[in-house]
């Protein structure tokens, strides 16, 4: 018997200004909320990623910061119906 749960990956998204701990500047960040994982945030200036406020280790490869910024921008554009408020439908 196979069980498949179909639900959207991200429940909320947000764009806000914050002071990045890596580039030490006030910059914009894109954040995405996943149930069971919390907020995933990407600095649009340096490409540093945070999970619930904690640094995510950078992979050791060329251009990873640019890839992180591009991923955040593309994910933001693809989430058309997702708003800032966290949707708890189907969770409880």
PDB file of N, CA and C in Angstrom:
ATOM      1  N   UNK A   1       0.837  -1.168   0.000  1.00  0.00           N
ATOM      2  CA  UNK A   1       0.000   0.000   0.000  1.00  0.00           C
ATOM      3  C   UNK A   1       0.888   1.238   0.000  1.00  0.00           C
ATOM      4  N   UNK A   2       0.691   2.113  -0.958  1.00  0.00           N
ATOM      5  CA  UNK A   2       1.459   3.352  -1.058  1.00  0.00           C
ATOM      6  C   UNK A   2       0.608   4.528  -0.602  1.00  0.00           C
ATOM      7  N   UNK A   3       1.173   5.371   0.214  1.00  0.00           N
ATOM      8  CA  UNK A   3       0.497   6.578   0.674  1.00  0.00           C
ATOM      9  C   UNK A   3       1.238   7.771   0.096  1.00  0.00           C
ATOM     10  N   UNK A   4       0.506   8.651  -0.568  1.00  0.00           N
ATOM     11  CA  UNK A   4       1.100   9.844  -1.157  1.00  0.00           C
ATOM     12  C   UNK A   4       0.340  11.061  -0.649  1.00  0.00           C
ATOM     13  N   UNK A   5       1.052  11.975  -0.008  1.00  0.00           N
ATOM     14  CA  UNK A   5       0.442  13.203   0.495  1.00  0.00           C
ATOM     15  C   UNK A   5       0.819  14.323  -0.461  1.00  0.00           C
ATOM     16  N   UNK A   6      -0.199  14.944  -1.030  1.00  0.00           N
ATOM     17  CA  UNK A   6       0.028  16.009  -1.999  1.00  0.00           C
ATOM     18  C   UNK A   6      -0.328  17.339  -1.349  1.00  0.00           C
ATOM     19  N   UNK A   7       0.679  18.190  -1.157  1.00  0.00           N
ATOM     20  CA  UNK A   7       0.463  19.515  -0.588  1.00  0.00           C
ATOM     21  C   UNK A   7       1.520  20.459  -1.150  1.00  0.00           C
ATOM     22  N   UNK A   8       1.249  21.753  -1.145  1.00  0.00           N
ATOM     23  CA  UNK A   8       2.243  22.693  -1.659  1.00  0.00           C
ATOM     24  C   UNK A   8       3.506  22.703  -0.804  1.00  0.00           C
ATOM     25  N   UNK A   9       4.623  22.930  -1.433  1.00  0.00           N
ATOM     26  CA  UNK A   9       5.891  22.892  -0.717  1.00  0.00           C
ATOM     27  C   UNK A   9       6.047  24.084   0.227  1.00  0.00           C
ATOM     28  N   UNK A  10       5.691  25.267  -0.238  1.00  0.00           N
ATOM     29  CA  UNK A  10       5.844  26.470   0.585  1.00  0.00           C
ATOM     30  C   UNK A  10       4.480  27.020   0.955  1.00  0.00           C
ATOM     31  N   UNK A  11       4.305  27.371   2.230  1.00  0.00           N
ATOM     32  CA  UNK A  11       3.026  27.864   2.725  1.00  0.00           C
ATOM     33  C   UNK A  11       2.974  29.392   2.770  1.00  0.00           C
ATOM     34  N   UNK A  12       4.133  30.056   2.800  1.00  0.00           N
ATOM     35  CA  UNK A  12       4.172  31.517   2.851  1.00  0.00           C
ATOM     36  C   UNK A  12       5.494  32.005   2.266  1.00  0.00           C
ATOM     37  N   UNK A  13       5.487  33.269   1.844  1.00  0.00           N
ATOM     38  CA  UNK A  13       6.717  33.898   1.363  1.00  0.00           C
ATOM     39  C   UNK A  13       6.743  35.327   1.860  1.00  0.00           C
ATOM     40  N   UNK A  14       7.944  35.891   1.966  1.00  0.00           N
ATOM     41  CA  UNK A  14       8.080  37.248   2.473  1.00  0.00           C
ATOM     42  C   UNK A  14       9.338  37.876   1.878  1.00  0.00           C
ATOM     43  N   UNK A  15       9.278  39.184   1.675  1.00  0.00           N
ATOM     44  CA  UNK A  15      10.436  39.961   1.240  1.00  0.00           C
ATOM     45  C   UNK A  15      10.594  41.091   2.254  1.00  0.00           C
ATOM     46  N   UNK A  16      11.758  41.199   2.862  1.00  0.00           N
ATOM     47  CA  UNK A  16      11.959  42.209   3.894  1.00  0.00           C
ATOM     48  C   UNK A  16      13.414  42.655   3.931  1.00  0.00           C
ATOM     49  N   UNK A  17      13.659  43.781   4.625  1.00  0.00           N
ATOM     50  CA  UNK A  17      15.017  44.290   4.816  1.00  0.00           C
ATOM     51  C   UNK A  17      15.549  43.794   6.152  1.00  0.00           C
ATOM     52  N   UNK A  18      16.807  43.394   6.158  1.00  0.00           N
ATOM     53  CA  UNK A  18      17.448  42.962   7.397  1.00  0.00           C
ATOM     54  C   UNK A  18      18.939  43.228   7.293  1.00  0.00           C
ATOM     55  N   UNK A  19      19.631  43.121   8.411  1.00  0.00           N
ATOM     56  CA  UNK A  19      21.080  43.300   8.407  1.00  0.00           C
ATOM     57  C   UNK A  19      21.726  41.924   8.333  1.00  0.00           C
ATOM     58  N   UNK A  20      22.335  41.637   7.206  1.00  0.00           N
ATOM     59  CA  UNK A  20      22.952  40.332   6.974  1.00  0.00           C
ATOM     60  C   UNK A  20      24.200  40.182   7.844  1.00  0.00           C
ATOM     61  N   UNK A  21      24.335  39.033   8.472  1.00  0.00           N
ATOM     62  CA  UNK A  21      25.494  38.787   9.335  1.00  0.00           C
ATOM     63  C   UNK A  21      26.753  38.510   8.531  1.00  0.00           C
ATOM     64  N   UNK A  22      26.596  38.140   7.271  1.00  0.00           N
ATOM     65  CA  UNK A  22      27.749  37.792   6.439  1.00  0.00           C
ATOM     66  C   UNK A  22      28.319  39.010   5.717  1.00  0.00           C
ATOM     67  N   UNK A  23      27.478  39.776   5.028  1.00  0.00           N
ATOM     68  CA  UNK A  23      27.975  40.928   4.269  1.00  0.00           C
ATOM     69  C   UNK A  23      27.919  42.225   5.074  1.00  0.00           C
ATOM     70  N   UNK A  24      27.339  42.177   6.292  1.00  0.00           N
ATOM     71  CA  UNK A  24      27.310  43.313   7.221  1.00  0.00           C
ATOM     72  C   UNK A  24      26.619  44.542   6.637  1.00  0.00           C
ATOM     73  N   UNK A  25      25.590  44.335   5.805  1.00  0.00           N
ATOM     74  CA  UNK A  25      24.855  45.441   5.198  1.00  0.00           C
ATOM     75  C   UNK A  25      23.370  45.251   5.428  1.00  0.00           C
ATOM     76  N   UNK A  26      22.643  46.376   5.422  1.00  0.00           N
ATOM     77  CA  UNK A  26      21.187  46.294   5.424  1.00  0.00           C
ATOM     78  C   UNK A  26      20.764  46.021   3.987  1.00  0.00           C
ATOM     79  N   UNK A  27      20.149  44.900   3.775  1.00  0.00           N
ATOM     80  CA  UNK A  27      19.817  44.481   2.424  1.00  0.00           C
ATOM     81  C   UNK A  27      18.461  43.778   2.427  1.00  0.00           C
ATOM     82  N   UNK A  28      17.996  43.414   1.259  1.00  0.00           N
ATOM     83  CA  UNK A  28      16.741  42.691   1.137  1.00  0.00           C
ATOM     84  C   UNK A  28      16.981  41.192   1.213  1.00  0.00           C
ATOM     85  N   UNK A  29      15.971  40.501   1.720  1.00  0.00           N
ATOM     86  CA  UNK A  29      16.030  39.049   1.798  1.00  0.00           C
ATOM     87  C   UNK A  29      14.695  38.486   1.333  1.00  0.00           C
ATOM     88  N   UNK A  30      14.757  37.324   0.714  1.00  0.00           N
ATOM     89  CA  UNK A  30      13.559  36.581   0.354  1.00  0.00           C
ATOM     90  C   UNK A  30      13.463  35.397   1.295  1.00  0.00           C
ATOM     91  N   UNK A  31      12.282  35.199   1.869  1.00  0.00           N
ATOM     92  CA  UNK A  31      12.081  34.120   2.840  1.00  0.00           C
ATOM     93  C   UNK A  31      10.890  33.270   2.420  1.00  0.00           C
ATOM     94  N   UNK A  32      11.011  31.959   2.625  1.00  0.00           N
ATOM     95  CA  UNK A  32       9.965  31.004   2.278  1.00  0.00           C
ATOM     96  C   UNK A  32       9.706  30.126   3.500  1.00  0.00           C
ATOM     97  N   UNK A  33       8.421  29.890   3.807  1.00  0.00           N
ATOM     98  CA  UNK A  33       8.042  29.114   4.980  1.00  0.00           C
ATOM     99  C   UNK A  33       7.568  27.730   4.565  1.00  0.00           C
ATOM    100  N   UNK A  34       8.169  26.692   5.157  1.00  0.00           N
ATOM    101  CA  UNK A  34       7.759  25.299   4.960  1.00  0.00           C
ATOM    102  C   UNK A  34       7.284  24.756   6.301  1.00  0.00           C
ATOM    103  N   UNK A  35       6.157  24.058   6.284  1.00  0.00           N
ATOM    104  CA  UNK A  35       5.709  23.409   7.507  1.00  0.00           C
ATOM    105  C   UNK A  35       6.751  22.365   7.910  1.00  0.00           C
ATOM    106  N   UNK A  36       6.983  22.207   9.162  1.00  0.00           N
ATOM    107  CA  UNK A  36       7.924  21.274   9.772  1.00  0.00           C
ATOM    108  C   UNK A  36       9.370  21.719   9.631  1.00  0.00           C
ATOM    109  N   UNK A  37       9.667  22.736   8.790  1.00  0.00           N
ATOM    110  CA  UNK A  37      11.046  23.179   8.622  1.00  0.00           C
ATOM    111  C   UNK A  37      11.253  24.628   9.023  1.00  0.00           C
ATOM    112  N   UNK A  38      10.219  25.454   8.972  1.00  0.00           N
ATOM    113  CA  UNK A  38      10.339  26.866   9.328  1.00  0.00           C
ATOM    114  C   UNK A  38      10.709  27.737   8.143  1.00  0.00           C
ATOM    115  N   UNK A  39      11.270  28.898   8.449  1.00  0.00           N
ATOM    116  CA  UNK A  39      11.612  29.889   7.422  1.00  0.00           C
ATOM    117  C   UNK A  39      12.978  29.601   6.817  1.00  0.00           C
ATOM    118  N   UNK A  40      13.051  29.667   5.502  1.00  0.00           N
ATOM    119  CA  UNK A  40      14.305  29.550   4.754  1.00  0.00           C
ATOM    120  C   UNK A  40      14.529  30.908   4.096  1.00  0.00           C
ATOM    121  N   UNK A  41      15.617  31.599   4.462  1.00  0.00           N
ATOM    122  CA  UNK A  41      15.866  32.975   4.045  1.00  0.00           C
ATOM    123  C   UNK A  41      17.146  33.052   3.228  1.00  0.00           C
ATOM    124  N   UNK A  42      17.131  33.891   2.183  1.00  0.00           N
ATOM    125  CA  UNK A  42      18.310  34.110   1.348  1.00  0.00           C
ATOM    126  C   UNK A  42      18.570  35.603   1.228  1.00  0.00           C
ATOM    127  N   UNK A  43      19.798  36.035   1.540  1.00  0.00           N
ATOM    128  CA  UNK A  43      20.205  37.432   1.378  1.00  0.00           C
ATOM    129  C   UNK A  43      20.396  37.703  -0.116  1.00  0.00           C
ATOM    130  N   UNK A  44      19.772  38.768  -0.625  1.00  0.00           N
ATOM    131  CA  UNK A  44      19.884  39.072  -2.050  1.00  0.00           C
ATOM    132  C   UNK A  44      21.151  39.846  -2.389  1.00  0.00           C
ATOM    133  N   UNK A  45      21.939  40.241  -1.387  1.00  0.00           N
ATOM    134  CA  UNK A  45      23.189  40.935  -1.646  1.00  0.00           C
ATOM    135  C   UNK A  45      24.354  39.951  -1.776  1.00  0.00           C
ATOM    136  N   UNK A  46      24.477  39.031  -0.820  1.00  0.00           N
ATOM    137  CA  UNK A  46      25.640  38.139  -0.816  1.00  0.00           C
ATOM    138  C   UNK A  46      25.295  36.675  -1.102  1.00  0.00           C
ATOM    139  N   UNK A  47      24.011  36.305  -1.051  1.00  0.00           N
ATOM    140  CA  UNK A  47      23.627  34.925  -1.342  1.00  0.00           C
ATOM    141  C   UNK A  47      23.687  33.984  -0.165  1.00  0.00           C
ATOM    142  N   UNK A  48      23.948  34.494   1.029  1.00  0.00           N
ATOM    143  CA  UNK A  48      23.994  33.647   2.225  1.00  0.00           C
ATOM    144  C   UNK A  48      22.581  33.170   2.553  1.00  0.00           C
ATOM    145  N   UNK A  49      22.462  31.906   2.951  1.00  0.00           N
ATOM    146  CA  UNK A  49      21.165  31.339   3.289  1.00  0.00           C
ATOM    147  C   UNK A  49      21.084  31.058   4.783  1.00  0.00           C
ATOM    148  N   UNK A  50      19.882  31.217   5.327  1.00  0.00           N
ATOM    149  CA  UNK A  50      19.604  30.979   6.739  1.00  0.00           C
ATOM    150  C   UNK A  50      18.395  30.065   6.853  1.00  0.00           C
ATOM    151  N   UNK A  51      18.429  29.134   7.788  1.00  0.00           N
ATOM    152  CA  UNK A  51      17.276  28.307   8.138  1.00  0.00           C
ATOM    153  C   UNK A  51      16.905  28.625   9.576  1.00  0.00           C
ATOM    154  N   UNK A  52      15.739  29.227   9.748  1.00  0.00           N
ATOM    155  CA  UNK A  52      15.275  29.672  11.071  1.00  0.00           C
ATOM    156  C   UNK A  52      16.310  30.529  11.782  1.00  0.00           C
ATOM    157  N   UNK A  53      16.973  31.416  11.051  1.00  0.00           N
ATOM    158  CA  UNK A  53      17.939  32.341  11.630  1.00  0.00           C
ATOM    159  C   UNK A  53      19.346  31.802  11.777  1.00  0.00           C
ATOM    160  N   UNK A  54      19.575  30.540  11.473  1.00  0.00           N
ATOM    161  CA  UNK A  54      20.908  29.933  11.583  1.00  0.00           C
ATOM    162  C   UNK A  54      21.554  29.835  10.202  1.00  0.00           C
ATOM    163  N   UNK A  55      22.852  30.118  10.125  1.00  0.00           N
ATOM    164  CA  UNK A  55      23.560  30.025   8.856  1.00  0.00           C
ATOM    165  C   UNK A  55      23.485  28.624   8.278  1.00  0.00           C
ATOM    166  N   UNK A  56      23.327  28.553   6.966  1.00  0.00           N
ATOM    167  CA  UNK A  56      23.422  27.292   6.242  1.00  0.00           C
ATOM    168  C   UNK A  56      24.828  27.242   5.649  1.00  0.00           C
ATOM    169  N   UNK A  57      25.508  26.130   5.813  1.00  0.00           N
ATOM    170  CA  UNK A  57      26.870  26.035   5.278  1.00  0.00           C
ATOM    171  C   UNK A  57      26.843  26.125   3.754  1.00  0.00           C
ATOM    172  N   UNK A  58      27.826  26.833   3.223  1.00  0.00           N
ATOM    173  CA  UNK A  58      27.928  26.990   1.774  1.00  0.00           C
ATOM    174  C   UNK A  58      28.650  25.785   1.175  1.00  0.00           C
ATOM    175  N   UNK A  59      28.149  25.342   0.048  1.00  0.00           N
ATOM    176  CA  UNK A  59      28.830  24.259  -0.657  1.00  0.00           C
ATOM    177  C   UNK A  59      30.151  24.787  -1.220  1.00  0.00           C
ATOM    178  N   UNK A  60      31.124  23.903  -1.332  1.00  0.00           N
ATOM    179  CA  UNK A  60      32.430  24.305  -1.837  1.00  0.00           C
ATOM    180  C   UNK A  60      32.447  24.133  -3.356  1.00  0.00           C
ATOM    181  N   UNK A  61      31.875  25.112  -4.046  1.00  0.00           N
ATOM    182  CA  UNK A  61      31.899  25.108  -5.508  1.00  0.00           C
ATOM    183  C   UNK A  61      31.827  26.548  -6.007  1.00  0.00           C
ATOM    184  N   UNK A  62      32.270  26.737  -7.210  1.00  0.00           N
ATOM    185  CA  UNK A  62      32.323  28.069  -7.787  1.00  0.00           C
ATOM    186  C   UNK A  62      30.916  28.606  -8.071  1.00  0.00           C
ATOM    187  N   UNK A  63      30.669  29.847  -7.667  1.00  0.00           N
ATOM    188  CA  UNK A  63      29.416  30.518  -7.984  1.00  0.00           C
ATOM    189  C   UNK A  63      28.217  30.114  -7.138  1.00  0.00           C
ATOM    190  N   UNK A  64      28.459  29.534  -5.965  1.00  0.00           N
ATOM    191  CA  UNK A  64      27.338  29.049  -5.148  1.00  0.00           C
ATOM    192  C   UNK A  64      26.482  30.204  -4.642  1.00  0.00           C
ATOM    193  N   UNK A  65      27.070  31.350  -4.332  1.00  0.00           N
ATOM    194  CA  UNK A  65      26.285  32.484  -3.852  1.00  0.00           C
ATOM    195  C   UNK A  65      25.354  33.016  -4.938  1.00  0.00           C
ATOM    196  N   UNK A  66      25.834  33.076  -6.171  1.00  0.00           N
ATOM    197  CA  UNK A  66      24.980  33.506  -7.284  1.00  0.00           C
ATOM    198  C   UNK A  66      23.870  32.486  -7.523  1.00  0.00           C
ATOM    199  N   UNK A  67      24.187  31.219  -7.404  1.00  0.00           N
ATOM    200  CA  UNK A  67      23.159  30.183  -7.557  1.00  0.00           C
ATOM    201  C   UNK A  67      22.096  30.300  -6.473  1.00  0.00           C
ATOM    202  N   UNK A  68      22.506  30.616  -5.249  1.00  0.00           N
ATOM    203  CA  UNK A  68      21.553  30.788  -4.162  1.00  0.00           C
ATOM    204  C   UNK A  68      20.610  31.966  -4.434  1.00  0.00           C
ATOM    205  N   UNK A  69      21.168  33.093  -4.913  1.00  0.00           N
ATOM    206  CA  UNK A  69      20.339  34.257  -5.223  1.00  0.00           C
ATOM    207  C   UNK A  69      19.385  33.953  -6.377  1.00  0.00           C
ATOM    208  N   UNK A  70      19.877  33.293  -7.410  1.00  0.00           N
ATOM    209  CA  UNK A  70      19.028  32.942  -8.550  1.00  0.00           C
ATOM    210  C   UNK A  70      17.920  31.977  -8.141  1.00  0.00           C
ATOM    211  N   UNK A  71      18.241  31.000  -7.279  1.00  0.00           N
ATOM    212  CA  UNK A  71      17.233  30.062  -6.804  1.00  0.00           C
ATOM    213  C   UNK A  71      16.125  30.797  -6.058  1.00  0.00           C
ATOM    214  N   UNK A  72      16.507  31.729  -5.175  1.00  0.00           N
ATOM    215  CA  UNK A  72      15.519  32.477  -4.388  1.00  0.00           C
ATOM    216  C   UNK A  72      14.624  33.314  -5.295  1.00  0.00           C
ATOM    217  N   UNK A  73      15.211  33.990  -6.272  1.00  0.00           N
ATOM    218  CA  UNK A  73      14.418  34.823  -7.186  1.00  0.00           C
ATOM    219  C   UNK A  73      13.468  33.972  -8.025  1.00  0.00           C
ATOM    220  N   UNK A  74      13.951  32.863  -8.549  1.00  0.00           N
ATOM    221  CA  UNK A  74      13.096  31.991  -9.362  1.00  0.00           C
ATOM    222  C   UNK A  74      11.981  31.360  -8.535  1.00  0.00           C
ATOM    223  N   UNK A  75      12.287  30.967  -7.311  1.00  0.00           N
ATOM    224  CA  UNK A  75      11.263  30.399  -6.430  1.00  0.00           C
ATOM    225  C   UNK A  75      10.218  31.450  -6.100  1.00  0.00           C
ATOM    226  N   UNK A  76      10.650  32.686  -5.843  1.00  0.00           N
ATOM    227  CA  UNK A  76       9.717  33.775  -5.547  1.00  0.00           C
ATOM    228  C   UNK A  76       8.757  33.985  -6.723  1.00  0.00           C
ATOM    229  N   UNK A  77       9.304  34.000  -7.930  1.00  0.00           N
ATOM    230  CA  UNK A  77       8.467  34.219  -9.124  1.00  0.00           C
ATOM    231  C   UNK A  77       7.500  33.069  -9.369  1.00  0.00           C
ATOM    232  N   UNK A  78       7.900  31.859  -9.017  1.00  0.00           N
ATOM    233  CA  UNK A  78       7.053  30.693  -9.293  1.00  0.00           C
ATOM    234  C   UNK A  78       5.903  30.542  -8.294  1.00  0.00           C
ATOM    235  N   UNK A  79       6.008  31.160  -7.118  1.00  0.00           N
ATOM    236  CA  UNK A  79       4.963  31.043  -6.092  1.00  0.00           C
ATOM    237  C   UNK A  79       3.947  32.166  -6.274  1.00  0.00           C
ATOM    238  N   UNK A  80       3.058  32.003  -7.229  1.00  0.00           N
ATOM    239  CA  UNK A  80       2.114  33.055  -7.582  1.00  0.00           C
ATOM    240  C   UNK A  80       1.014  33.201  -6.540  1.00  0.00           C
ATOM    241  N   UNK A  81       0.423  32.109  -6.080  1.00  0.00           N
ATOM    242  CA  UNK A  81      -0.712  32.188  -5.172  1.00  0.00           C
ATOM    243  C   UNK A  81      -0.358  32.219  -3.696  1.00  0.00           C
ATOM    244  N   UNK A  82       0.923  32.213  -3.365  1.00  0.00           N
ATOM    245  CA  UNK A  82       1.355  32.163  -1.960  1.00  0.00           C
ATOM    246  C   UNK A  82       1.495  33.593  -1.438  1.00  0.00           C
ATOM    247  N   UNK A  83       0.995  33.845  -0.220  1.00  0.00           N
ATOM    248  CA  UNK A  83       1.033  35.187   0.372  1.00  0.00           C
ATOM    249  C   UNK A  83       1.961  35.213   1.586  1.00  0.00           C
ATOM    250  N   UNK A  84       1.974  36.357   2.293  1.00  0.00           N
ATOM    251  CA  UNK A  84       2.808  36.499   3.487  1.00  0.00           C
ATOM    252  C   UNK A  84       2.284  35.708   4.673  1.00  0.00           C
ATOM    253  N   UNK A  85       0.967  35.535   4.740  1.00  0.00           N
ATOM    254  CA  UNK A  85       0.384  34.843   5.891  1.00  0.00           C
ATOM    255  C   UNK A  85       0.571  33.339   5.754  1.00  0.00           C
ATOM    256  N   UNK A  86       0.859  32.704   6.866  1.00  0.00           N
ATOM    257  CA  UNK A  86       1.114  31.267   6.863  1.00  0.00           C
ATOM    258  C   UNK A  86      -0.219  30.529   6.777  1.00  0.00           C
ATOM    259  N   UNK A  87      -0.336  29.671   5.789  1.00  0.00           N
ATOM    260  CA  UNK A  87      -1.548  28.900   5.576  1.00  0.00           C
ATOM    261  C   UNK A  87      -1.412  27.571   6.304  1.00  0.00           C
ATOM    262  N   UNK A  88      -2.298  27.315   7.262  1.00  0.00           N
ATOM    263  CA  UNK A  88      -2.236  26.087   8.044  1.00  0.00           C
ATOM    264  C   UNK A  88      -3.222  25.017   7.559  1.00  0.00           C
ATOM    265  N   UNK A  89      -3.762  25.195   6.348  1.00  0.00           N
ATOM    266  CA  UNK A  89      -4.697  24.212   5.823  1.00  0.00           C
ATOM    267  C   UNK A  89      -3.992  22.888   5.578  1.00  0.00           C
ATOM    268  N   UNK A  90      -4.613  21.825   5.985  1.00  0.00           N
ATOM    269  CA  UNK A  90      -4.066  20.499   5.722  1.00  0.00           C
ATOM    270  C   UNK A  90      -2.939  20.086   6.637  1.00  0.00           C
ATOM    271  N   UNK A  91      -2.596  20.899   7.636  1.00  0.00           N
ATOM    272  CA  UNK A  91      -1.491  20.564   8.521  1.00  0.00           C
ATOM    273  C   UNK A  91      -1.996  19.847   9.760  1.00  0.00           C
ATOM    274  N   UNK A  92      -3.069  20.348  10.349  1.00  0.00           N
ATOM    275  CA  UNK A  92      -3.601  19.765  11.594  1.00  0.00           C
ATOM    276  C   UNK A  92      -4.656  18.734  11.306  1.00  0.00           C
TER     277      UNK A  92
END
